[in-house]
Amino acid sequence: MKSLSTAASPTRFSRLFACAFATLVTLSGCGGGGGSPGIGASTPVAGNPGTGTTTPPTTTPTPPAVTPDPIPSDYISYQDLCAAPRTGVDAEGHAFPDRQGTLQDEMKFLRGWTDATYLWYSEIPSTVRMADYTNTLDYFAALKTPALTASGKDKDRFHFTYTTAEWDALTNASQDTGYGLTWSVNSTTAPRTWIAAIIEPGSPAAAAGIQRGDLLTAVDGIDFINTADEAQIERLNEGLSPDTAGERHTLTIRRGDTTMDIALTSAVVTTTPVKNVKVIDTPSGKVGYLSFEDHNAVSELQLVNAFTSLKNQGAADLVLDMRYNGGGLLYVASELAYMIAGPATAGKTFERALYNDKTAPDAPIPFRNTAYGFSAPRNMALPYLGLKRVTVLTTSDTCSASEAVINGLRGVDVQVDIIGATTCGKPYGFLPADNCGTTYFTIQFQGVNAKGFGDFADGFAPTCAVSDDMAHALGDPAEGMLAAALAYRATNACPAASTARARRVPMHIARSQLKEIAIYPPRTR
């Protein structure tokens, strides 16, 4: 769920999504980069109105020189020195490594770690000083480049934190608290269009009968589309983003000409990243299909099972639906690419990481032909289809590790046809660092394929541009993007662009930043 919070809050959802969602009542920037240009800026005065006299020039005092903080080269010695050490054990039963320290110890670790590993460490302003901050989250948020791209976007748009407990739960267990419902959204400001995009099997949303394409119109009786009242918005947040299991709320949805109230009780939902595995019979052969939504640890075994099933059913081609896949573990991406292309990738590079000039390069990621062991048995041989051509369904929500699959396959001359929309453009990745209960994500590398290509900050353009069809279930051969993929495979020509349920306002999946990254598994370097 995305939070619609109007103010900072320590609750889990508002923390996760405070920067994924602009506030509804007052727009604000998140993740650095400054505020809105021109708002609050002073206007030079040429003269005093009505007098004809000229305002004398003023002298701006020179600010005192700022002494930059020293950057500790031994930052590792400050790791796990915590102002408030945790006690007990983590989700895997290991004792927390925390020792008694201070807030400054935590900041020294962050400053040294950032200087050693951040891709653009030399661009961090020297004016960022520990003494000006009262918590590590705000301090870390300032430890990034303020530079802009040629188009005016923040050069670093991917700088964030999670609590370590949240990170472990979402990455390792594929769990979240809510209804098992992911929305495709246009905006947080009225008028809002939110459409049900993904319904998790076995979730409260699935049990209540919510379907892909349902339009949200109200939450607990409050007009969701049009309200701008701050108190009502707070209640919308409570209904959309329950903090705990067992909360009861009512969503009003419109399906065609029918409006209905759906009572839901929140629960801890285990997501299924690999769905709708099937083989479609076509005049030219059997085409495998699967929708893949998250390169997390759980997905490894699910992908193995999916490709085993497709292979056993004689699939000779594949449509890989990653329209909503924001990324995740690069080793899972590598395994997926191998399961598509097979032994022809032996000894070849899937992705090579380009680090800063302080970081020694490590071995490139190969096309892994055995499981890493996230959820499948470690070192088990992976199934494969052995394809020289694959079709990938994409939208602007296809990011990071998903883009690495496209780039990695193209790097070894597998033809990748893209049906849908231009991908989001995230050639960067992370090696997350845990410290004192917070997991920090700072950009540490840019990924390139076997041909040295990794310049896709503007995304991969589609072979055929097709709108996301919310009127059909994913995996339905009549669904617009899948139908276009099957038609292109048969004719090598793009069909007329699908306009079913297409909207003028761009839609995006409501999800956290953790779902849009590329990372190496912990402790592998």
Protein backbone atom coordinates (compact mmCIF):
# COMPACT_ATOMS: atom_id res chain seq x y z
CA MET A 1 0.00 0.00 0.00
CA LYS A 2 1.07 3.58 -0.53
CA SER A 3 0.63 5.94 2.34
CA LEU A 4 -1.32 9.14 1.85
CA SER A 5 0.07 10.68 5.01
CA THR A 6 -0.10 14.43 5.42
CA ALA A 7 2.61 14.59 8.06
CA ALA A 8 5.60 12.60 9.21
CA SER A 9 4.67 9.58 11.31
CA PRO A 10 6.60 6.78 13.00
CA THR A 11 4.13 4.17 11.81
CA ARG A 12 5.37 1.53 9.44
CA PHE A 13 3.37 2.49 6.38
CA SER A 14 3.94 6.23 6.58
CA ARG A 15 7.67 5.56 6.99
CA LEU A 16 7.77 3.22 4.03
CA PHE A 17 5.90 5.41 1.66
CA ALA A 18 6.27 8.98 2.85
CA CYS A 19 8.48 9.64 -0.16
CA ALA A 20 6.66 7.33 -2.51
CA PHE A 21 3.61 9.53 -2.08
CA ALA A 22 3.40 13.28 -2.06
CA THR A 23 1.08 14.60 0.63
CA LEU A 24 -2.51 15.20 -0.30
CA VAL A 25 -3.06 18.47 1.48
CA THR A 26 0.25 20.21 0.94
CA LEU A 27 2.68 19.10 -1.72
CA SER A 28 6.19 18.51 -0.47
CA GLY A 29 9.47 17.17 -1.83
CA CYS A 30 10.86 13.86 -0.61
CA GLY A 31 14.32 12.41 -0.72
CA GLY A 32 16.23 15.66 -1.18
CA GLY A 33 16.64 17.89 -4.18
CA GLY A 34 15.06 20.98 -2.68
CA GLY A 35 11.56 22.34 -2.85
CA SER A 36 9.50 23.80 -5.65
CA PRO A 37 11.40 26.35 -7.74
CA GLY A 38 10.13 29.86 -7.22
CA ILE A 39 8.05 29.11 -4.14
CA GLY A 40 9.23 31.19 -1.22
CA ALA A 41 12.06 32.77 -3.22
CA SER A 42 12.71 36.48 -2.69
CA THR A 43 12.07 38.88 -5.57
CA PRO A 44 14.65 41.61 -6.27
CA VAL A 45 13.26 45.12 -5.75
CA ALA A 46 14.21 47.65 -8.43
CA GLY A 47 12.63 50.64 -6.76
CA ASN A 48 10.27 51.77 -4.03
CA PRO A 49 6.79 51.81 -5.53
CA GLY A 50 5.31 55.30 -5.64
CA THR A 51 8.53 57.18 -4.84
CA GLY A 52 10.60 56.71 -7.97
CA THR A 53 13.68 56.30 -5.84
CA THR A 54 16.10 53.45 -6.18
CA THR A 55 16.65 51.05 -3.35
CA PRO A 56 20.29 51.23 -2.28
CA PRO A 57 22.23 48.02 -2.71
CA THR A 58 22.61 45.86 0.35
CA THR A 59 25.75 44.10 1.41
CA THR A 60 25.40 40.39 2.05
CA PRO A 61 27.68 39.34 4.88
CA THR A 62 30.10 36.58 4.08
CA PRO A 63 29.10 33.48 6.04
CA PRO A 64 31.79 32.00 8.22
CA ALA A 65 33.76 29.18 6.67
CA VAL A 66 32.36 25.77 7.44
CA THR A 67 34.84 23.18 8.61
CA PRO A 68 33.90 19.88 7.00
CA ASP A 69 33.47 16.88 9.25
CA PRO A 70 36.43 14.52 9.22
CA ILE A 71 35.68 11.37 7.25
CA PRO A 72 36.65 8.29 9.27
CA SER A 73 38.62 5.81 7.22
CA ASP A 74 38.07 3.20 9.94
CA TYR A 75 34.28 3.49 9.69
CA ILE A 76 33.86 -0.25 10.19
CA SER A 77 34.98 0.23 13.80
CA TYR A 78 31.86 2.36 14.37
CA GLN A 79 29.45 -0.21 12.94
CA ASP A 80 27.01 -1.62 15.52
CA LEU A 81 27.83 1.12 18.04
CA CYS A 82 24.30 2.27 18.73
CA ALA A 83 22.69 5.04 20.73
CA ALA A 84 19.90 2.59 21.60
CA PRO A 85 21.22 -0.97 21.17
CA ARG A 86 18.70 -3.69 20.39
CA THR A 87 18.50 -6.76 22.57
CA GLY A 88 17.39 -10.26 21.75
CA VAL A 89 17.58 -12.02 18.39
CA ASP A 90 16.64 -11.29 14.80
CA ALA A 91 14.12 -13.16 12.61
CA GLU A 92 16.70 -15.92 11.98
CA GLY A 93 17.50 -16.38 15.66
CA HIS A 94 20.86 -14.59 15.59
CA ALA A 95 21.73 -12.24 18.44
CA PHE A 96 21.77 -8.59 17.46
CA PRO A 97 25.36 -7.33 17.12
CA ASP A 98 24.56 -3.95 18.72
CA ARG A 99 26.89 -2.45 21.32
CA GLN A 100 26.41 0.68 23.40
CA GLY A 101 27.50 3.76 21.51
CA THR A 102 26.29 7.23 20.63
CA LEU A 103 24.34 8.97 17.89
CA GLN A 104 27.64 10.39 16.65
CA ASP A 105 29.07 6.87 16.37
CA GLU A 106 26.18 5.94 14.10
CA MET A 107 26.75 9.05 12.00
CA LYS A 108 30.48 8.36 11.73
CA PHE A 109 29.72 4.93 10.36
CA LEU A 110 27.35 6.41 7.77
CA ARG A 111 29.81 9.12 6.74
CA GLY A 112 32.70 6.70 6.33
CA TRP A 113 30.63 4.02 4.62
CA THR A 114 29.19 6.57 2.20
CA ASP A 115 32.60 8.01 1.35
CA ALA A 116 33.98 4.53 0.74
CA THR A 117 31.14 3.06 -1.31
CA TYR A 118 28.77 5.71 -2.75
CA LEU A 119 29.07 5.92 -6.54
CA TRP A 120 29.24 9.74 -6.48
CA TYR A 121 30.97 10.20 -3.12
CA SER A 122 32.96 13.24 -4.31
CA GLU A 123 29.74 15.18 -5.00
CA ILE A 124 28.44 15.11 -1.41
CA PRO A 125 28.43 18.72 -0.13
CA SER A 126 31.07 19.46 2.49
CA THR A 127 28.45 21.56 4.31
CA VAL A 128 26.66 18.40 5.51
CA ARG A 129 27.76 18.25 9.15
CA MET A 130 26.79 15.82 11.89
CA ALA A 131 26.27 18.60 14.40
CA ASP A 132 23.32 19.90 12.38
CA TYR A 133 21.31 16.69 12.71
CA THR A 134 19.47 15.07 15.60
CA ASN A 135 18.82 11.69 13.96
CA THR A 136 20.51 9.38 11.51
CA LEU A 137 17.68 9.27 8.97
CA ASP A 138 17.83 12.98 8.19
CA TYR A 139 21.61 12.90 8.19
CA PHE A 140 21.72 9.97 5.78
CA ALA A 141 19.19 11.67 3.50
CA ALA A 142 21.66 14.53 3.06
CA LEU A 143 24.58 12.24 2.20
CA LYS A 144 24.05 12.21 -1.55
CA THR A 145 24.80 14.29 -4.61
CA PRO A 146 22.61 17.37 -5.10
CA ALA A 147 23.35 17.35 -8.85
CA LEU A 148 20.58 17.33 -11.44
CA THR A 149 20.36 15.53 -14.75
CA ALA A 150 20.08 17.37 -18.05
CA SER A 151 16.30 17.09 -17.82
CA GLY A 152 16.27 18.66 -14.34
CA LYS A 153 15.64 15.51 -12.32
CA ASP A 154 17.65 14.62 -9.26
CA LYS A 155 20.72 12.67 -10.35
CA ASP A 156 20.18 10.42 -7.33
CA ARG A 157 16.47 9.58 -7.00
CA PHE A 158 17.07 6.25 -5.27
CA HIS A 159 18.38 7.00 -1.76
CA PHE A 160 16.35 5.56 1.12
CA THR A 161 16.16 3.50 4.30
CA TYR A 162 14.08 0.73 5.84
CA THR A 163 13.98 -0.59 9.35
CA THR A 164 16.00 -3.79 9.28
CA ALA A 165 13.00 -5.76 10.53
CA GLU A 166 10.89 -4.49 7.60
CA TRP A 167 13.68 -5.22 5.14
CA ASP A 168 14.12 -8.76 6.43
CA ALA A 169 10.38 -9.45 6.45
CA LEU A 170 9.72 -8.15 2.94
CA THR A 171 12.84 -9.62 1.34
CA ASN A 172 13.07 -12.99 3.00
CA ALA A 173 9.46 -13.83 3.85
CA SER A 174 7.62 -11.92 1.09
CA GLN A 175 5.16 -10.66 3.69
CA ASP A 176 3.26 -7.45 4.23
CA THR A 177 0.31 -6.32 6.34
CA GLY A 178 -2.77 -5.29 4.41
CA TYR A 179 -5.38 -6.75 2.10
CA GLY A 180 -3.16 -8.33 -0.57
CA LEU A 181 -4.19 -5.60 -3.00
CA THR A 182 -1.92 -3.48 -5.20
CA TRP A 183 -3.30 -0.37 -6.86
CA SER A 184 -2.49 1.31 -10.14
CA VAL A 185 -2.77 5.02 -9.40
CA ASN A 186 -2.66 8.35 -11.19
CA SER A 187 -2.27 10.79 -8.32
CA THR A 188 -2.67 11.48 -4.63
CA THR A 189 -4.47 14.74 -5.32
CA ALA A 190 -8.11 15.02 -6.34
CA PRO A 191 -9.47 13.79 -8.61
CA ARG A 192 -7.81 10.45 -7.85
CA THR A 193 -8.03 7.36 -10.03
CA TRP A 194 -7.00 4.16 -8.27
CA ILE A 195 -7.62 0.84 -9.99
CA ALA A 196 -7.03 -2.64 -8.56
CA ALA A 197 -4.08 -4.11 -10.49
CA ILE A 198 -2.83 -7.14 -8.51
CA ILE A 199 -4.85 -9.28 -6.13
CA GLU A 200 -2.81 -11.80 -4.16
CA PRO A 201 -4.24 -15.35 -4.17
CA GLY A 202 -5.72 -16.30 -0.81
CA SER A 203 -5.61 -12.71 0.47
CA PRO A 204 -8.47 -10.78 2.13
CA ALA A 205 -8.99 -8.90 -1.15
CA ALA A 206 -9.24 -12.13 -3.13
CA ALA A 207 -11.61 -13.69 -0.58
CA ALA A 208 -13.83 -10.60 -0.76
CA GLY A 209 -14.08 -10.86 -4.54
CA ILE A 210 -12.14 -7.75 -5.58
CA GLN A 211 -11.07 -8.05 -9.21
CA ARG A 212 -8.43 -6.48 -11.42
CA GLY A 213 -9.89 -3.31 -12.94
CA ASP A 214 -12.12 -2.39 -9.98
CA LEU A 215 -12.15 1.38 -9.39
CA LEU A 216 -11.86 2.66 -5.80
CA THR A 217 -14.50 5.31 -5.05
CA ALA A 218 -14.70 5.48 -1.23
CA VAL A 219 -13.02 4.25 1.96
CA ASP A 220 -15.17 3.82 5.07
CA GLY A 221 -17.82 5.99 3.43
CA ILE A 222 -15.45 8.87 2.58
CA ASP A 223 -15.28 10.05 -1.04
CA PHE A 224 -11.86 8.81 -2.14
CA ILE A 225 -11.86 10.40 -5.57
CA ASN A 226 -12.57 14.01 -4.64
CA THR A 227 -12.01 14.71 -0.95
CA ALA A 228 -9.40 17.31 0.00
CA ASP A 229 -10.27 17.58 3.69
CA GLU A 230 -7.25 16.83 5.87
CA ALA A 231 -9.17 14.96 8.56
CA GLN A 232 -10.89 12.81 5.95
CA ILE A 233 -7.58 12.13 4.23
CA GLU A 234 -6.19 10.84 7.52
CA ARG A 235 -9.11 8.42 7.72
CA LEU A 236 -8.49 7.35 4.12
CA ASN A 237 -4.93 6.50 5.12
CA GLU A 238 -6.12 4.42 8.04
CA GLY A 239 -8.42 2.44 5.79
CA LEU A 240 -6.01 1.98 2.90
CA SER A 241 -2.85 1.28 4.91
CA PRO A 242 -3.69 -0.66 8.08
CA ASP A 243 -0.76 -0.87 10.47
CA THR A 244 -1.74 -4.17 12.05
CA ALA A 245 -3.60 -7.33 11.20
CA GLY A 246 -7.25 -7.54 12.23
CA GLU A 247 -8.32 -4.01 11.29
CA ARG A 248 -11.75 -3.81 9.61
CA HIS A 249 -12.50 -1.29 6.88
CA THR A 250 -14.92 -0.94 3.98
CA LEU A 251 -13.81 -0.11 0.44
CA THR A 252 -16.38 1.02 -2.09
CA ILE A 253 -15.53 -0.01 -5.62
CA ARG A 254 -17.10 0.44 -9.02
CA ARG A 255 -17.06 -2.39 -11.54
CA GLY A 256 -18.60 -1.31 -14.83
CA ASP A 257 -21.99 0.17 -13.91
CA THR A 258 -22.14 -1.57 -10.53
CA THR A 259 -21.01 -0.01 -7.24
CA MET A 260 -20.47 -2.24 -4.23
CA ASP A 261 -19.19 -2.01 -0.66
CA ILE A 262 -16.48 -4.53 0.20
CA ALA A 263 -15.77 -5.25 3.89
CA LEU A 264 -12.13 -6.20 4.48
CA THR A 265 -10.10 -7.30 7.48
CA SER A 266 -6.36 -6.71 7.26
CA ALA A 267 -3.97 -9.62 7.62
CA VAL A 268 -0.31 -10.53 7.25
CA VAL A 269 -0.25 -11.47 3.57
CA THR A 270 2.40 -13.64 1.96
CA THR A 271 2.77 -12.47 -1.62
CA THR A 272 3.24 -14.76 -4.60
CA PRO A 273 5.75 -13.17 -6.98
CA VAL A 274 5.28 -15.77 -9.74
CA LYS A 275 1.69 -16.16 -10.96
CA ASN A 276 -0.42 -17.37 -13.87
CA VAL A 277 2.03 -19.98 -15.16
CA LYS A 278 0.57 -21.54 -18.29
CA VAL A 279 1.21 -22.75 -21.82
CA ILE A 280 -0.80 -21.19 -24.64
CA ASP A 281 -1.36 -23.26 -27.77
CA THR A 282 -0.86 -21.23 -30.96
CA PRO A 283 -0.81 -22.28 -34.65
CA SER A 284 2.99 -22.04 -34.59
CA GLY A 285 3.65 -23.84 -31.32
CA LYS A 286 3.33 -23.78 -27.56
CA VAL A 287 4.05 -20.43 -25.91
CA GLY A 288 4.82 -20.30 -22.20
CA TYR A 289 3.55 -17.42 -20.10
CA LEU A 290 4.08 -16.29 -16.53
CA SER A 291 3.62 -13.04 -14.64
CA PHE A 292 6.60 -12.17 -12.47
CA GLU A 293 6.28 -9.34 -9.96
CA ASP A 294 9.26 -9.35 -7.58
CA HIS A 295 12.87 -10.62 -7.66
CA ASN A 296 12.75 -11.51 -3.96
CA ALA A 297 14.09 -14.55 -2.14
CA VAL A 298 10.78 -16.41 -2.31
CA SER A 299 10.62 -16.02 -6.10
CA GLU A 300 13.69 -18.23 -6.68
CA LEU A 301 11.90 -21.52 -5.98
CA GLN A 302 8.70 -20.30 -7.64
CA LEU A 303 10.63 -19.53 -10.84
CA VAL A 304 12.27 -22.97 -10.73
CA ASN A 305 8.87 -24.62 -10.42
CA ALA A 306 7.40 -22.42 -13.17
CA PHE A 307 10.13 -23.19 -15.71
CA THR A 308 10.04 -26.89 -14.84
CA SER A 309 6.31 -26.85 -15.59
CA LEU A 310 6.72 -24.90 -18.84
CA LYS A 311 9.50 -27.22 -20.00
CA ASN A 312 7.50 -30.34 -19.17
CA GLN A 313 4.56 -28.97 -21.16
CA GLY A 314 6.75 -28.40 -24.22
CA ALA A 315 6.90 -24.61 -24.28
CA ALA A 316 9.04 -23.53 -27.24
CA ASP A 317 8.67 -19.79 -26.69
CA LEU A 318 8.01 -17.48 -23.74
CA VAL A 319 6.10 -14.32 -22.89
CA LEU A 320 7.54 -13.02 -19.62
CA ASP A 321 5.15 -10.53 -18.01
CA MET A 322 7.19 -8.11 -15.89
CA ARG A 323 4.91 -5.09 -16.32
CA TYR A 324 4.76 -4.56 -12.53
CA ASN A 325 8.17 -5.94 -11.52
CA GLY A 326 10.29 -3.25 -9.88
CA GLY A 327 13.37 -5.42 -9.34
CA GLY A 328 15.14 -7.00 -6.38
CA LEU A 329 17.92 -9.56 -6.14
CA LEU A 330 20.27 -9.57 -9.13
CA TYR A 331 21.21 -13.20 -8.54
CA VAL A 332 17.55 -14.11 -9.06
CA ALA A 333 17.59 -12.01 -12.26
CA SER A 334 20.67 -13.90 -13.40
CA GLU A 335 19.03 -17.26 -12.70
CA LEU A 336 15.89 -16.18 -14.57
CA ALA A 337 17.94 -15.14 -17.60
CA TYR A 338 19.68 -18.53 -17.57
CA MET A 339 16.36 -20.36 -17.34
CA ILE A 340 15.30 -18.50 -20.48
CA ALA A 341 18.48 -18.85 -22.55
CA GLY A 342 20.04 -22.03 -21.15
CA PRO A 343 23.58 -23.46 -21.61
CA ALA A 344 24.38 -21.11 -24.51
CA THR A 345 25.19 -18.56 -21.78
CA ALA A 346 27.87 -20.74 -20.16
CA GLY A 347 30.91 -18.71 -19.12
CA LYS A 348 29.30 -15.43 -20.17
CA THR A 349 28.65 -12.31 -18.12
CA PHE A 350 25.11 -11.49 -17.09
CA GLU A 351 26.01 -8.21 -15.40
CA ARG A 352 29.19 -6.47 -14.31
CA ALA A 353 29.08 -3.78 -11.64
CA LEU A 354 30.92 -0.49 -12.15
CA TYR A 355 31.85 0.95 -8.73
CA ASN A 356 33.48 4.19 -7.66
CA ASP A 357 37.23 4.59 -7.97
CA LYS A 358 37.79 3.53 -4.35
CA THR A 359 36.12 0.17 -4.70
CA ALA A 360 37.95 -2.80 -6.14
CA PRO A 361 35.97 -4.49 -8.90
CA ASP A 362 34.63 -7.90 -8.13
CA ALA A 363 33.86 -10.77 -10.43
CA PRO A 364 30.94 -10.18 -12.78
CA ILE A 365 27.68 -12.00 -12.18
CA PRO A 366 27.49 -14.95 -14.58
CA PHE A 367 24.33 -16.48 -15.94
CA ARG A 368 23.85 -18.67 -12.87
CA ASN A 369 22.90 -22.22 -13.82
CA THR A 370 22.44 -23.33 -10.21
CA ALA A 371 20.30 -21.91 -7.44
CA TYR A 372 21.95 -19.52 -5.01
CA GLY A 373 19.82 -20.93 -2.21
CA PHE A 374 17.45 -18.07 -1.36
CA SER A 375 14.48 -20.46 -1.33
CA ALA A 376 15.44 -23.25 -3.75
CA PRO A 377 17.99 -25.86 -2.59
CA ARG A 378 21.44 -24.36 -2.82
CA ASN A 379 23.39 -25.39 -5.94
CA MET A 380 20.51 -27.32 -7.48
CA ALA A 381 20.63 -27.39 -11.29
CA LEU A 382 18.17 -24.94 -12.82
CA PRO A 383 15.68 -25.89 -15.54
CA TYR A 384 15.88 -24.01 -18.82
CA LEU A 385 14.03 -23.47 -22.09
CA GLY A 386 17.10 -22.65 -24.22
CA LEU A 387 15.52 -19.79 -26.19
CA LYS A 388 17.15 -17.37 -28.61
CA ARG A 389 14.13 -15.07 -28.49
CA VAL A 390 11.83 -13.96 -25.68
CA THR A 391 9.01 -11.45 -25.40
CA VAL A 392 8.82 -9.26 -22.29
CA LEU A 393 5.75 -7.25 -21.26
CA THR A 394 6.69 -3.94 -19.66
CA THR A 395 5.37 -0.65 -18.32
CA SER A 396 7.02 2.31 -16.62
CA ASP A 397 6.81 0.17 -13.46
CA THR A 398 9.32 -2.33 -14.92
CA CYS A 399 12.52 -1.36 -13.15
CA SER A 400 16.04 -2.18 -12.09
CA ALA A 401 16.66 -5.94 -11.81
CA SER A 402 13.88 -6.50 -14.35
CA GLU A 403 15.68 -4.20 -16.76
CA ALA A 404 18.87 -6.13 -15.98
CA VAL A 405 17.19 -9.28 -17.33
CA ILE A 406 16.50 -7.49 -20.63
CA ASN A 407 19.97 -5.97 -20.77
CA GLY A 408 21.76 -9.18 -19.76
CA LEU A 409 20.01 -11.26 -22.41
CA ARG A 410 20.66 -8.69 -25.10
CA GLY A 411 24.30 -8.72 -24.07
CA VAL A 412 24.58 -12.34 -25.25
CA ASP A 413 22.51 -11.76 -28.41
CA VAL A 414 19.19 -13.17 -27.23
CA GLN A 415 16.46 -11.26 -29.07
CA VAL A 416 14.27 -9.49 -26.51
CA ASP A 417 11.05 -8.05 -27.92
CA ILE A 418 9.39 -5.54 -25.59
CA ILE A 419 5.63 -5.14 -25.69
CA GLY A 420 4.04 -2.36 -23.65
CA ALA A 421 5.68 0.87 -22.53
CA THR A 422 9.16 2.28 -21.89
CA THR A 423 10.68 0.85 -18.71
CA CYS A 424 11.52 3.09 -15.75
CA GLY A 425 15.29 3.40 -16.27
CA LYS A 426 17.29 2.29 -13.21
CA PRO A 427 20.71 0.94 -14.19
CA TYR A 428 21.94 1.37 -10.61
CA GLY A 429 22.19 -0.99 -7.66
CA PHE A 430 22.84 -1.35 -3.97
CA LEU A 431 24.70 -3.36 -1.36
CA PRO A 432 22.47 -2.60 1.65
CA ALA A 433 24.11 -1.94 5.01
CA ASP A 434 22.42 -2.81 8.32
CA ASN A 435 23.30 -0.71 11.35
CA CYS A 436 21.52 -0.37 14.68
CA GLY A 437 18.15 -1.50 13.35
CA THR A 438 18.14 0.51 10.13
CA THR A 439 19.07 -0.77 6.67
CA TYR A 440 20.60 1.91 4.44
CA PHE A 441 20.43 1.99 0.65
CA THR A 442 22.82 4.22 -1.25
CA ILE A 443 23.73 3.83 -4.93
CA GLN A 444 26.99 1.91 -5.18
CA PHE A 445 27.19 0.63 -8.72
CA GLN A 446 25.96 0.85 -12.27
CA GLY A 447 25.34 -2.45 -14.01
CA VAL A 448 26.53 -3.20 -17.55
CA ASN A 449 26.04 -6.32 -19.67
CA ALA A 450 28.56 -8.54 -21.49
CA LYS A 451 28.91 -5.89 -24.20
CA GLY A 452 29.59 -3.15 -21.64
CA PHE A 453 26.22 -1.49 -22.12
CA GLY A 454 24.36 -0.06 -19.14
CA ASP A 455 23.18 3.35 -20.28
CA PHE A 456 19.44 2.93 -19.87
CA ALA A 457 18.63 5.71 -17.41
CA ASP A 458 15.79 6.67 -19.76
CA GLY A 459 14.51 3.09 -19.87
CA PHE A 460 14.14 0.55 -22.67
CA ALA A 461 11.72 1.58 -25.40
CA PRO A 462 9.07 -0.93 -26.47
CA THR A 463 9.19 -2.83 -29.73
CA CYS A 464 5.40 -2.34 -29.83
CA ALA A 465 3.70 0.33 -27.69
CA VAL A 466 0.60 -1.12 -26.05
CA SER A 467 -1.50 0.15 -23.14
CA ASP A 468 -1.96 -1.84 -19.94
CA ASP A 469 -5.36 -3.49 -20.29
CA MET A 470 -7.10 -3.38 -16.92
CA ALA A 471 -10.28 -4.91 -18.29
CA HIS A 472 -8.81 -8.42 -18.53
CA ALA A 473 -7.04 -10.69 -16.06
CA LEU A 474 -3.30 -11.14 -16.34
CA GLY A 475 -2.59 -14.22 -18.42
CA ASP A 476 -5.83 -13.98 -20.40
CA PRO A 477 -4.83 -14.30 -24.09
CA ALA A 478 -7.37 -11.54 -24.81
CA GLU A 479 -5.58 -9.12 -22.45
CA GLY A 480 -4.23 -6.28 -24.58
CA MET A 481 -0.49 -6.63 -23.96
CA LEU A 482 -0.44 -10.43 -24.11
CA ALA A 483 -2.62 -10.43 -27.23
CA ALA A 484 -0.23 -7.97 -28.87
CA ALA A 485 2.75 -10.13 -27.89
CA LEU A 486 1.19 -13.23 -29.44
CA ALA A 487 0.27 -11.27 -32.59
CA TYR A 488 3.77 -9.82 -32.94
CA ARG A 489 5.28 -13.28 -32.50
CA ALA A 490 3.11 -14.57 -35.35
CA THR A 491 3.46 -11.66 -37.79
CA ASN A 492 6.59 -9.76 -36.72
CA ALA A 493 4.46 -6.61 -36.98
CA CYS A 494 2.97 -4.47 -34.23
CA PRO A 495 -0.82 -4.61 -34.04
CA ALA A 496 -2.86 -1.45 -33.67
CA ALA A 497 -2.14 0.03 -30.26
CA SER A 498 -4.55 -1.19 -27.63
CA THR A 499 -6.77 1.53 -26.26
CA ALA A 500 -8.80 -0.63 -23.89
CA ARG A 501 -9.14 1.24 -20.59
CA ALA A 502 -6.23 3.47 -21.63
CA ARG A 503 -6.08 6.78 -19.74
CA ARG A 504 -4.56 10.11 -20.59
CA VAL A 505 -3.04 10.47 -17.13
CA PRO A 506 -0.09 8.10 -16.59
CA MET A 507 -0.75 5.34 -14.08
CA HIS A 508 1.82 3.80 -11.75
CA ILE A 509 1.85 0.93 -9.30
CA ALA A 510 1.59 1.98 -5.65
CA ARG A 511 4.59 0.39 -3.95
CA SER A 512 7.62 1.09 -1.82
CA GLN A 513 11.12 1.94 -3.02
CA LEU A 514 12.31 -1.46 -1.87
CA LYS A 515 10.31 -2.93 -4.74
CA GLU A 516 12.25 -0.90 -7.34
CA ILE A 517 15.89 -1.77 -6.78
CA ALA A 518 18.70 -4.06 -7.86
CA ILE A 519 20.78 -5.57 -5.08
CA TYR A 520 23.38 -8.16 -4.42
CA PRO A 521 22.51 -10.60 -1.63
CA PRO A 522 23.96 -9.67 1.78
CA ARG A 523 27.48 -10.72 2.72
CA THR A 524 28.53 -11.95 -0.72
CA ARG A 525 31.31 -9.49 -1.57
